Amino acid sequence: MLEWITTIGVLVTVVGFGCWLFIYSFKLAIDPEDAYRVDPVPKESDEWHQ
């Protein structure tokens, strides 16, 4: 019985973390301002390419 409880607990933890990671990535994709703060691109590099 303990094996089933451990297996279900690990499964719920892994699925929960996967869902959290998916939702977090989706929120970053919707709101690019957050992504800009996480990985800022210097303005000089934009001007250099133009």
N, C-alpha and C. Protein backbone atom coordinates (compact mmCIF):
# COMPACT_ATOMS: atom_id res chain seq x y z
N MET A 1 0.82 -1.20 0.00
CA MET A 1 0.00 0.00 0.00
C MET A 1 0.87 1.27 0.00
N LEU A 2 1.99 1.19 0.71
CA LEU A 2 2.88 2.35 0.77
C LEU A 2 3.48 2.66 -0.59
N GLU A 3 3.70 1.60 -1.40
CA GLU A 3 4.23 1.83 -2.74
C GLU A 3 3.26 2.64 -3.59
N TRP A 4 1.95 2.33 -3.48
CA TRP A 4 0.95 3.06 -4.25
C TRP A 4 0.87 4.52 -3.82
N ILE A 5 0.93 4.76 -2.51
CA ILE A 5 0.88 6.13 -2.01
C ILE A 5 2.10 6.91 -2.49
N THR A 6 3.26 6.30 -2.46
CA THR A 6 4.49 6.96 -2.93
C THR A 6 4.42 7.22 -4.42
N THR A 7 3.95 6.23 -5.19
CA THR A 7 3.85 6.39 -6.64
C THR A 7 2.87 7.50 -7.01
N ILE A 8 1.72 7.53 -6.38
CA ILE A 8 0.72 8.56 -6.68
C ILE A 8 1.24 9.93 -6.24
N GLY A 9 1.93 9.99 -5.10
CA GLY A 9 2.49 11.27 -4.65
C GLY A 9 3.52 11.81 -5.61
N VAL A 10 4.40 10.96 -6.10
CA VAL A 10 5.42 11.39 -7.06
C VAL A 10 4.76 11.80 -8.37
N LEU A 11 3.76 11.05 -8.82
CA LEU A 11 3.06 11.38 -10.06
C LEU A 11 2.36 12.74 -9.95
N VAL A 12 1.68 12.98 -8.84
CA VAL A 12 1.00 14.26 -8.65
C VAL A 12 2.02 15.40 -8.60
N THR A 13 3.16 15.18 -7.96
CA THR A 13 4.19 16.21 -7.88
C THR A 13 4.76 16.53 -9.27
N VAL A 14 5.06 15.52 -10.05
CA VAL A 14 5.64 15.72 -11.38
C VAL A 14 4.63 16.39 -12.31
N VAL A 15 3.39 15.94 -12.29
CA VAL A 15 2.36 16.54 -13.14
C VAL A 15 2.09 17.97 -12.71
N GLY A 16 2.05 18.22 -11.41
CA GLY A 16 1.82 19.57 -10.91
C GLY A 16 2.93 20.52 -11.31
N PHE A 17 4.18 20.06 -11.21
CA PHE A 17 5.31 20.90 -11.60
C PHE A 17 5.29 21.16 -13.11
N GLY A 18 4.94 20.15 -13.89
CA GLY A 18 4.85 20.33 -15.33
C GLY A 18 3.77 21.33 -15.71
N CYS A 19 2.62 21.27 -15.04
CA CYS A 19 1.55 22.24 -15.31
C CYS A 19 1.98 23.64 -14.91
N TRP A 20 2.65 23.77 -13.77
CA TRP A 20 3.12 25.08 -13.33
C TRP A 20 4.12 25.65 -14.34
N LEU A 21 5.02 24.84 -14.81
CA LEU A 21 6.02 25.29 -15.77
C LEU A 21 5.36 25.71 -17.08
N PHE A 22 4.37 24.97 -17.53
CA PHE A 22 3.64 25.32 -18.76
C PHE A 22 2.91 26.65 -18.60
N ILE A 23 2.21 26.84 -17.48
CA ILE A 23 1.47 28.07 -17.25
C ILE A 23 2.43 29.25 -17.12
N TYR A 24 3.56 29.06 -16.43
CA TYR A 24 4.54 30.13 -16.27
C TYR A 24 5.12 30.54 -17.63
N SER A 25 5.45 29.58 -18.46
CA SER A 25 5.98 29.87 -19.80
C SER A 25 4.92 30.56 -20.66
N PHE A 26 3.68 30.13 -20.54
CA PHE A 26 2.59 30.74 -21.30
C PHE A 26 2.38 32.19 -20.88
N LYS A 27 2.46 32.48 -19.58
CA LYS A 27 2.31 33.85 -19.10
C LYS A 27 3.46 34.72 -19.60
N LEU A 28 4.67 34.19 -19.67
CA LEU A 28 5.79 34.96 -20.19
C LEU A 28 5.60 35.25 -21.68
N ALA A 29 5.03 34.31 -22.41
CA ALA A 29 4.81 34.51 -23.83
C ALA A 29 3.73 35.56 -24.08
N ILE A 30 2.72 35.60 -23.23
CA ILE A 30 1.63 36.56 -23.40
C ILE A 30 2.09 37.97 -23.03
N ASP A 31 2.87 38.09 -21.96
CA ASP A 31 3.30 39.40 -21.48
C ASP A 31 4.80 39.54 -21.74
N PRO A 32 5.20 40.04 -22.91
CA PRO A 32 6.63 40.11 -23.24
C PRO A 32 7.40 41.08 -22.37
N GLU A 33 6.72 41.96 -21.64
CA GLU A 33 7.42 42.88 -20.75
C GLU A 33 8.16 42.12 -19.66
N ASP A 34 7.54 41.04 -19.15
CA ASP A 34 8.20 40.21 -18.15
C ASP A 34 9.43 39.53 -18.74
N ALA A 35 9.31 39.03 -19.96
CA ALA A 35 10.44 38.37 -20.60
C ALA A 35 11.57 39.36 -20.85
N TYR A 36 11.21 40.61 -21.13
CA TYR A 36 12.25 41.63 -21.36
C TYR A 36 13.03 41.87 -20.08
N ARG A 37 12.36 41.83 -18.95
CA ARG A 37 13.05 42.02 -17.67
C ARG A 37 13.93 40.82 -17.35
N VAL A 38 13.50 39.62 -17.73
CA VAL A 38 14.27 38.42 -17.43
C VAL A 38 15.53 38.36 -18.30
N ASP A 39 15.40 38.66 -19.59
CA ASP A 39 16.52 38.58 -20.52
C ASP A 39 16.58 39.86 -21.35
N PRO A 40 17.09 40.94 -20.77
CA PRO A 40 17.06 42.21 -21.50
C PRO A 40 18.02 42.23 -22.68
N VAL A 41 17.60 42.89 -23.73
CA VAL A 41 18.43 43.06 -24.92
C VAL A 41 18.90 44.51 -24.94
N PRO A 42 20.20 44.74 -24.98
CA PRO A 42 20.67 46.13 -25.00
C PRO A 42 20.17 46.87 -26.23
N LYS A 43 19.85 48.14 -26.06
CA LYS A 43 19.34 48.93 -27.17
C LYS A 43 20.43 49.16 -28.22
N GLU A 44 21.69 49.15 -27.84
CA GLU A 44 22.77 49.34 -28.81
C GLU A 44 22.79 48.23 -29.84
N SER A 45 22.46 47.00 -29.44
CA SER A 45 22.49 45.89 -30.39
C SER A 45 21.39 46.06 -31.46
N ASP A 46 20.24 46.63 -31.06
CA ASP A 46 19.17 46.86 -32.03
C ASP A 46 19.60 47.91 -33.06
N GLU A 47 20.25 48.97 -32.62
CA GLU A 47 20.68 50.03 -33.53
C GLU A 47 21.80 49.55 -34.45
N TRP A 48 22.64 48.65 -33.96
CA TRP A 48 23.77 48.14 -34.74
C TRP A 48 23.27 47.32 -35.94
N HIS A 49 22.18 46.56 -35.75
CA HIS A 49 21.65 45.73 -36.83
C HIS A 49 20.92 46.53 -37.89
N GLN A 50 20.48 47.73 -37.55
CA GLN A 50 19.69 48.50 -38.52
C GLN A 50 20.56 49.28 -39.45
